[in-house]
Amino acid sequence: MPVVLEAIDKMTTSEKFDTMNYLWSSLSVVQSDMVPAWHRQALEKTEARVASGIERPIAWGAAKEIIKNAFPS
């Protein structure tokens, strides 16, 4: 097992969350050339729909309710 995985296993829950936050922040500033072309195109299409008023952003809580209602248990 790689050393980093062993270290993660020994972390407290708080340390694991701090590490996840650090990794997420680090990934958030990744160069745009690392984003796959298909993903960049999908984002551009979404941005165009929002800019034209065809689509509008909604709060994550509202989105979860829509998804939950679309796929009832």
PDB file of N, CA and C in Angstrom:
ATOM      1  N   MET A   1       0.858  -1.180   0.000  1.00  0.00           N
ATOM      2  CA  MET A   1       0.000   0.000   0.000  1.00  0.00           C
ATOM      3  C   MET A   1       0.904   1.243   0.000  1.00  0.00           C
ATOM      4  N   PRO A   2       0.587   2.233  -0.876  1.00  0.00           N
ATOM      5  CA  PRO A   2       1.401   3.446  -0.884  1.00  0.00           C
ATOM      6  C   PRO A   2       1.383   4.152   0.471  1.00  0.00           C
ATOM      7  N   VAL A   3       2.464   4.823   0.783  1.00  0.00           N
ATOM      8  CA  VAL A   3       2.619   5.497   2.073  1.00  0.00           C
ATOM      9  C   VAL A   3       1.499   6.503   2.317  1.00  0.00           C
ATOM     10  N   VAL A   4       1.093   7.224   1.277  1.00  0.00           N
ATOM     11  CA  VAL A   4       0.058   8.236   1.451  1.00  0.00           C
ATOM     12  C   VAL A   4      -1.266   7.599   1.885  1.00  0.00           C
ATOM     13  N   LEU A   5      -1.579   6.420   1.369  1.00  0.00           N
ATOM     14  CA  LEU A   5      -2.823   5.748   1.765  1.00  0.00           C
ATOM     15  C   LEU A   5      -2.757   5.280   3.209  1.00  0.00           C
ATOM     16  N   GLU A   6      -1.607   4.831   3.622  1.00  0.00           N
ATOM     17  CA  GLU A   6      -1.434   4.437   5.021  1.00  0.00           C
ATOM     18  C   GLU A   6      -1.608   5.650   5.928  1.00  0.00           C
ATOM     19  N   ALA A   7      -1.070   6.786   5.505  1.00  0.00           N
ATOM     20  CA  ALA A   7      -1.204   8.009   6.294  1.00  0.00           C
ATOM     21  C   ALA A   7      -2.668   8.427   6.400  1.00  0.00           C
ATOM     22  N   ILE A   8      -3.397   8.311   5.307  1.00  0.00           N
ATOM     23  CA  ILE A   8      -4.820   8.669   5.321  1.00  0.00           C
ATOM     24  C   ILE A   8      -5.582   7.778   6.286  1.00  0.00           C
ATOM     25  N   ASP A   9      -5.278   6.493   6.285  1.00  0.00           N
ATOM     26  CA  ASP A   9      -5.952   5.561   7.191  1.00  0.00           C
ATOM     27  C   ASP A   9      -5.744   5.934   8.654  1.00  0.00           C
ATOM     28  N   LYS A  10      -4.624   6.579   8.960  1.00  0.00           N
ATOM     29  CA  LYS A  10      -4.310   6.939  10.345  1.00  0.00           C
ATOM     30  C   LYS A  10      -4.873   8.309  10.746  1.00  0.00           C
ATOM     31  N   MET A  11      -5.411   9.060   9.800  1.00  0.00           N
ATOM     32  CA  MET A  11      -5.919  10.406  10.087  1.00  0.00           C
ATOM     33  C   MET A  11      -7.233  10.353  10.855  1.00  0.00           C
ATOM     34  N   THR A  12      -7.479  11.429  11.612  1.00  0.00           N
ATOM     35  CA  THR A  12      -8.790  11.596  12.243  1.00  0.00           C
ATOM     36  C   THR A  12      -9.771  12.034  11.157  1.00  0.00           C
ATOM     37  N   THR A  13     -11.031  11.980  11.466  1.00  0.00           N
ATOM     38  CA  THR A  13     -12.038  12.430  10.507  1.00  0.00           C
ATOM     39  C   THR A  13     -11.814  13.888  10.144  1.00  0.00           C
ATOM     40  N   SER A  14     -11.512  14.710  11.113  1.00  0.00           N
ATOM     41  CA  SER A  14     -11.260  16.128  10.870  1.00  0.00           C
ATOM     42  C   SER A  14     -10.068  16.321   9.929  1.00  0.00           C
ATOM     43  N   GLU A  15      -9.011  15.572  10.145  1.00  0.00           N
ATOM     44  CA  GLU A  15      -7.833  15.662   9.280  1.00  0.00           C
ATOM     45  C   GLU A  15      -8.165  15.215   7.849  1.00  0.00           C
ATOM     46  N   LYS A  16      -9.017  14.197   7.729  1.00  0.00           N
ATOM     47  CA  LYS A  16      -9.418  13.733   6.399  1.00  0.00           C
ATOM     48  C   LYS A  16     -10.210  14.812   5.669  1.00  0.00           C
ATOM     49  N   PHE A  17     -11.123  15.487   6.361  1.00  0.00           N
ATOM     50  CA  PHE A  17     -11.878  16.567   5.737  1.00  0.00           C
ATOM     51  C   PHE A  17     -10.957  17.715   5.342  1.00  0.00           C
ATOM     52  N   ASP A  18     -10.016  18.060   6.201  1.00  0.00           N
ATOM     53  CA  ASP A  18      -9.051  19.111   5.863  1.00  0.00           C
ATOM     54  C   ASP A  18      -8.251  18.728   4.624  1.00  0.00           C
ATOM     55  N   THR A  19      -7.858  17.469   4.534  1.00  0.00           N
ATOM     56  CA  THR A  19      -7.095  16.991   3.387  1.00  0.00           C
ATOM     57  C   THR A  19      -7.945  17.034   2.123  1.00  0.00           C
ATOM     58  N   MET A  20      -9.214  16.618   2.219  1.00  0.00           N
ATOM     59  CA  MET A  20     -10.104  16.676   1.059  1.00  0.00           C
ATOM     60  C   MET A  20     -10.270  18.119   0.587  1.00  0.00           C
ATOM     61  N   ASN A  21     -10.454  19.040   1.529  1.00  0.00           N
ATOM     62  CA  ASN A  21     -10.595  20.450   1.164  1.00  0.00           C
ATOM     63  C   ASN A  21      -9.337  20.965   0.477  1.00  0.00           C
ATOM     64  N   TYR A  22      -8.178  20.567   0.976  1.00  0.00           N
ATOM     65  CA  TYR A  22      -6.921  20.977   0.364  1.00  0.00           C
ATOM     66  C   TYR A  22      -6.818  20.429  -1.059  1.00  0.00           C
ATOM     67  N   LEU A  23      -7.122  19.141  -1.230  1.00  0.00           N
ATOM     68  CA  LEU A  23      -7.057  18.532  -2.559  1.00  0.00           C
ATOM     69  C   LEU A  23      -8.033  19.202  -3.523  1.00  0.00           C
ATOM     70  N   TRP A  24      -9.246  19.478  -3.047  1.00  0.00           N
ATOM     71  CA  TRP A  24     -10.236  20.115  -3.908  1.00  0.00           C
ATOM     72  C   TRP A  24      -9.761  21.498  -4.329  1.00  0.00           C
ATOM     73  N   SER A  25      -9.219  22.268  -3.400  1.00  0.00           N
ATOM     74  CA  SER A  25      -8.694  23.593  -3.736  1.00  0.00           C
ATOM     75  C   SER A  25      -7.560  23.484  -4.746  1.00  0.00           C
ATOM     76  N   SER A  26      -6.710  22.500  -4.547  1.00  0.00           N
ATOM     77  CA  SER A  26      -5.590  22.290  -5.457  1.00  0.00           C
ATOM     78  C   SER A  26      -6.079  21.930  -6.854  1.00  0.00           C
ATOM     79  N   LEU A  27      -7.107  21.090  -6.952  1.00  0.00           N
ATOM     80  CA  LEU A  27      -7.648  20.695  -8.250  1.00  0.00           C
ATOM     81  C   LEU A  27      -8.425  21.826  -8.916  1.00  0.00           C
ATOM     82  N   SER A  28      -8.965  22.740  -8.128  1.00  0.00           N
ATOM     83  CA  SER A  28      -9.770  23.831  -8.668  1.00  0.00           C
ATOM     84  C   SER A  28      -8.950  24.813  -9.485  1.00  0.00           C
ATOM     85  N   VAL A  29      -7.648  24.825  -9.311  1.00  0.00           N
ATOM     86  CA  VAL A  29      -6.796  25.752 -10.050  1.00  0.00           C
ATOM     87  C   VAL A  29      -5.996  25.033 -11.133  1.00  0.00           C
ATOM     88  N   VAL A  30      -6.422  23.845 -11.493  1.00  0.00           N
ATOM     89  CA  VAL A  30      -5.749  23.059 -12.539  1.00  0.00           C
ATOM     90  C   VAL A  30      -5.830  23.822 -13.854  1.00  0.00           C
ATOM     91  N   GLN A  31      -4.800  23.732 -14.629  1.00  0.00           N
ATOM     92  CA  GLN A  31      -4.756  24.403 -15.924  1.00  0.00           C
ATOM     93  C   GLN A  31      -5.905  23.929 -16.810  1.00  0.00           C
ATOM     94  N   SER A  32      -6.435  24.839 -17.609  1.00  0.00           N
ATOM     95  CA  SER A  32      -7.574  24.501 -18.459  1.00  0.00           C
ATOM     96  C   SER A  32      -7.239  23.428 -19.489  1.00  0.00           C
ATOM     97  N   ASP A  33      -5.956  23.260 -19.827  1.00  0.00           N
ATOM     98  CA  ASP A  33      -5.600  22.232 -20.797  1.00  0.00           C
ATOM     99  C   ASP A  33      -5.759  20.822 -20.243  1.00  0.00           C
ATOM    100  N   MET A  34      -6.006  20.722 -18.945  1.00  0.00           N
ATOM    101  CA  MET A  34      -6.205  19.407 -18.333  1.00  0.00           C
ATOM    102  C   MET A  34      -7.676  18.996 -18.367  1.00  0.00           C
ATOM    103  N   VAL A  35      -8.554  19.935 -18.734  1.00  0.00           N
ATOM    104  CA  VAL A  35      -9.980  19.628 -18.829  1.00  0.00           C
ATOM    105  C   VAL A  35     -10.222  18.984 -20.185  1.00  0.00           C
ATOM    106  N   PRO A  36     -10.859  17.802 -20.211  1.00  0.00           N
ATOM    107  CA  PRO A  36     -11.107  17.140 -21.499  1.00  0.00           C
ATOM    108  C   PRO A  36     -11.948  18.024 -22.421  1.00  0.00           C
ATOM    109  N   ALA A  37     -11.696  17.938 -23.717  1.00  0.00           N
ATOM    110  CA  ALA A  37     -12.404  18.762 -24.701  1.00  0.00           C
ATOM    111  C   ALA A  37     -13.914  18.574 -24.610  1.00  0.00           C
ATOM    112  N   TRP A  38     -14.368  17.336 -24.424  1.00  0.00           N
ATOM    113  CA  TRP A  38     -15.812  17.084 -24.367  1.00  0.00           C
ATOM    114  C   TRP A  38     -16.442  17.796 -23.171  1.00  0.00           C
ATOM    115  N   HIS A  39     -15.700  17.884 -22.055  1.00  0.00           N
ATOM    116  CA  HIS A  39     -16.236  18.536 -20.859  1.00  0.00           C
ATOM    117  C   HIS A  39     -16.281  20.048 -21.064  1.00  0.00           C
ATOM    118  N   ARG A  40     -15.231  20.594 -21.662  1.00  0.00           N
ATOM    119  CA  ARG A  40     -15.188  22.031 -21.946  1.00  0.00           C
ATOM    120  C   ARG A  40     -16.355  22.397 -22.875  1.00  0.00           C
ATOM    121  N   GLN A  41     -16.613  21.565 -23.903  1.00  0.00           N
ATOM    122  CA  GLN A  41     -17.721  21.831 -24.831  1.00  0.00           C
ATOM    123  C   GLN A  41     -19.063  21.786 -24.114  1.00  0.00           C
ATOM    124  N   ALA A  42     -19.239  20.822 -23.219  1.00  0.00           N
ATOM    125  CA  ALA A  42     -20.489  20.723 -22.469  1.00  0.00           C
ATOM    126  C   ALA A  42     -20.685  21.961 -21.590  1.00  0.00           C
ATOM    127  N   LEU A  43     -19.614  22.431 -20.958  1.00  0.00           N
ATOM    128  CA  LEU A  43     -19.705  23.634 -20.129  1.00  0.00           C
ATOM    129  C   LEU A  43     -20.034  24.865 -20.975  1.00  0.00           C
ATOM    130  N   GLU A  44     -19.411  24.967 -22.145  1.00  0.00           N
ATOM    131  CA  GLU A  44     -19.680  26.100 -23.034  1.00  0.00           C
ATOM    132  C   GLU A  44     -21.136  26.110 -23.494  1.00  0.00           C
ATOM    133  N   LYS A  45     -21.685  24.929 -23.806  1.00  0.00           N
ATOM    134  CA  LYS A  45     -23.088  24.833 -24.221  1.00  0.00           C
ATOM    135  C   LYS A  45     -24.016  25.249 -23.079  1.00  0.00           C
ATOM    136  N   THR A  46     -23.699  24.816 -21.872  1.00  0.00           N
ATOM    137  CA  THR A  46     -24.507  25.194 -20.716  1.00  0.00           C
ATOM    138  C   THR A  46     -24.441  26.694 -20.492  1.00  0.00           C
ATOM    139  N   GLU A  47     -23.236  27.261 -20.555  1.00  0.00           N
ATOM    140  CA  GLU A  47     -23.081  28.707 -20.380  1.00  0.00           C
ATOM    141  C   GLU A  47     -23.874  29.477 -21.432  1.00  0.00           C
ATOM    142  N   ALA A  48     -23.898  28.989 -22.661  1.00  0.00           N
ATOM    143  CA  ALA A  48     -24.651  29.646 -23.735  1.00  0.00           C
ATOM    144  C   ALA A  48     -26.152  29.600 -23.449  1.00  0.00           C
ATOM    145  N   ARG A  49     -26.649  28.447 -22.956  1.00  0.00           N
ATOM    146  CA  ARG A  49     -28.074  28.338 -22.626  1.00  0.00           C
ATOM    147  C   ARG A  49     -28.447  29.280 -21.490  1.00  0.00           C
ATOM    148  N   VAL A  50     -27.573  29.423 -20.514  1.00  0.00           N
ATOM    149  CA  VAL A  50     -27.834  30.332 -19.398  1.00  0.00           C
ATOM    150  C   VAL A  50     -27.816  31.770 -19.902  1.00  0.00           C
ATOM    151  N   ALA A  51     -26.817  32.120 -20.709  1.00  0.00           N
ATOM    152  CA  ALA A  51     -26.696  33.488 -21.223  1.00  0.00           C
ATOM    153  C   ALA A  51     -27.898  33.882 -22.077  1.00  0.00           C
ATOM    154  N   SER A  52     -28.473  32.915 -22.805  1.00  0.00           N
ATOM    155  CA  SER A  52     -29.614  33.216 -23.672  1.00  0.00           C
ATOM    156  C   SER A  52     -30.948  33.159 -22.927  1.00  0.00           C
ATOM    157  N   GLY A  53     -30.918  32.722 -21.679  1.00  0.00           N
ATOM    158  CA  GLY A  53     -32.146  32.659 -20.886  1.00  0.00           C
ATOM    159  C   GLY A  53     -32.916  31.367 -21.040  1.00  0.00           C
ATOM    160  N   ILE A  54     -32.406  30.438 -21.837  1.00  0.00           N
ATOM    161  CA  ILE A  54     -33.070  29.146 -22.025  1.00  0.00           C
ATOM    162  C   ILE A  54     -33.016  28.327 -20.743  1.00  0.00           C
ATOM    163  N   GLU A  55     -31.938  28.477 -20.016  1.00  0.00           N
ATOM    164  CA  GLU A  55     -31.706  27.712 -18.800  1.00  0.00           C
ATOM    165  C   GLU A  55     -31.324  28.688 -17.697  1.00  0.00           C
ATOM    166  N   ARG A  56     -31.681  28.358 -16.462  1.00  0.00           N
ATOM    167  CA  ARG A  56     -31.272  29.202 -15.351  1.00  0.00           C
ATOM    168  C   ARG A  56     -30.771  28.342 -14.203  1.00  0.00           C
ATOM    169  N   PRO A  57     -29.783  28.855 -13.492  1.00  0.00           N
ATOM    170  CA  PRO A  57     -29.275  28.079 -12.361  1.00  0.00           C
ATOM    171  C   PRO A  57     -30.304  28.041 -11.225  1.00  0.00           C
ATOM    172  N   ILE A  58     -30.270  26.947 -10.476  1.00  0.00           N
ATOM    173  CA  ILE A  58     -31.122  26.847  -9.293  1.00  0.00           C
ATOM    174  C   ILE A  58     -30.264  26.363  -8.132  1.00  0.00           C
ATOM    175  N   ALA A  59     -30.769  26.567  -6.939  1.00  0.00           N
ATOM    176  CA  ALA A  59     -30.051  26.139  -5.740  1.00  0.00           C
ATOM    177  C   ALA A  59     -29.928  24.615  -5.717  1.00  0.00           C
ATOM    178  N   TRP A  60     -28.839  24.115  -5.149  1.00  0.00           N
ATOM    179  CA  TRP A  60     -28.587  22.679  -5.092  1.00  0.00           C
ATOM    180  C   TRP A  60     -29.709  21.958  -4.357  1.00  0.00           C
ATOM    181  N   GLY A  61     -30.224  22.544  -3.286  1.00  0.00           N
ATOM    182  CA  GLY A  61     -31.323  21.917  -2.547  1.00  0.00           C
ATOM    183  C   GLY A  61     -32.552  21.722  -3.424  1.00  0.00           C
ATOM    184  N   ALA A  62     -32.862  22.719  -4.249  1.00  0.00           N
ATOM    185  CA  ALA A  62     -34.003  22.615  -5.167  1.00  0.00           C
ATOM    186  C   ALA A  62     -33.742  21.548  -6.223  1.00  0.00           C
ATOM    187  N   ALA A  63     -32.521  21.488  -6.722  1.00  0.00           N
ATOM    188  CA  ALA A  63     -32.166  20.475  -7.717  1.00  0.00           C
ATOM    189  C   ALA A  63     -32.327  19.066  -7.144  1.00  0.00           C
ATOM    190  N   LYS A  64     -31.893  18.884  -5.903  1.00  0.00           N
ATOM    191  CA  LYS A  64     -32.029  17.561  -5.277  1.00  0.00           C
ATOM    192  C   LYS A  64     -33.487  17.164  -5.152  1.00  0.00           C
ATOM    193  N   GLU A  65     -34.354  18.118  -4.835  1.00  0.00           N
ATOM    194  CA  GLU A  65     -35.786  17.813  -4.728  1.00  0.00           C
ATOM    195  C   GLU A  65     -36.352  17.406  -6.084  1.00  0.00           C
ATOM    196  N   ILE A  66     -35.951  18.107  -7.129  1.00  0.00           N
ATOM    197  CA  ILE A  66     -36.421  17.775  -8.481  1.00  0.00           C
ATOM    198  C   ILE A  66     -35.991  16.360  -8.853  1.00  0.00           C
ATOM    199  N   ILE A  67     -34.730  16.047  -8.572  1.00  0.00           N
ATOM    200  CA  ILE A  67     -34.206  14.699  -8.881  1.00  0.00           C
ATOM    201  C   ILE A  67     -34.936  13.643  -8.062  1.00  0.00           C
ATOM    202  N   LYS A  68     -35.123  13.922  -6.770  1.00  0.00           N
ATOM    203  CA  LYS A  68     -35.795  12.966  -5.889  1.00  0.00           C
ATOM    204  C   LYS A  68     -37.237  12.706  -6.357  1.00  0.00           C
ATOM    205  N   ASN A  69     -37.908  13.756  -6.779  1.00  0.00           N
ATOM    206  CA  ASN A  69     -39.298  13.603  -7.256  1.00  0.00           C
ATOM    207  C   ASN A  69     -39.362  12.910  -8.610  1.00  0.00           C
ATOM    208  N   ALA A  70     -38.325  13.042  -9.409  1.00  0.00           N
ATOM    209  CA  ALA A  70     -38.311  12.394 -10.724  1.00  0.00           C
ATOM    210  C   ALA A  70     -38.061  10.894 -10.619  1.00  0.00           C
ATOM    211  N   PHE A  71     -37.392  10.509  -9.545  1.00  0.00           N
ATOM    212  CA  PHE A  71     -37.045   9.095  -9.351  1.00  0.00           C
ATOM    213  C   PHE A  71     -37.479   8.640  -7.952  1.00  0.00           C
ATOM    214  N   PRO A  72     -38.789   8.559  -7.710  1.00  0.00           N
ATOM    215  CA  PRO A  72     -39.257   8.167  -6.380  1.00  0.00           C
ATOM    216  C   PRO A  72     -38.825   6.751  -6.011  1.00  0.00           C
ATOM    217  N   SER A  73     -38.639   6.542  -4.737  1.00  0.00           N
ATOM    218  CA  SER A  73     -38.211   5.220  -4.258  1.00  0.00           C
ATOM    219  C   SER A  73     -39.313   4.205  -4.354  1.00  0.00           C
TER     220      SER A  73
END
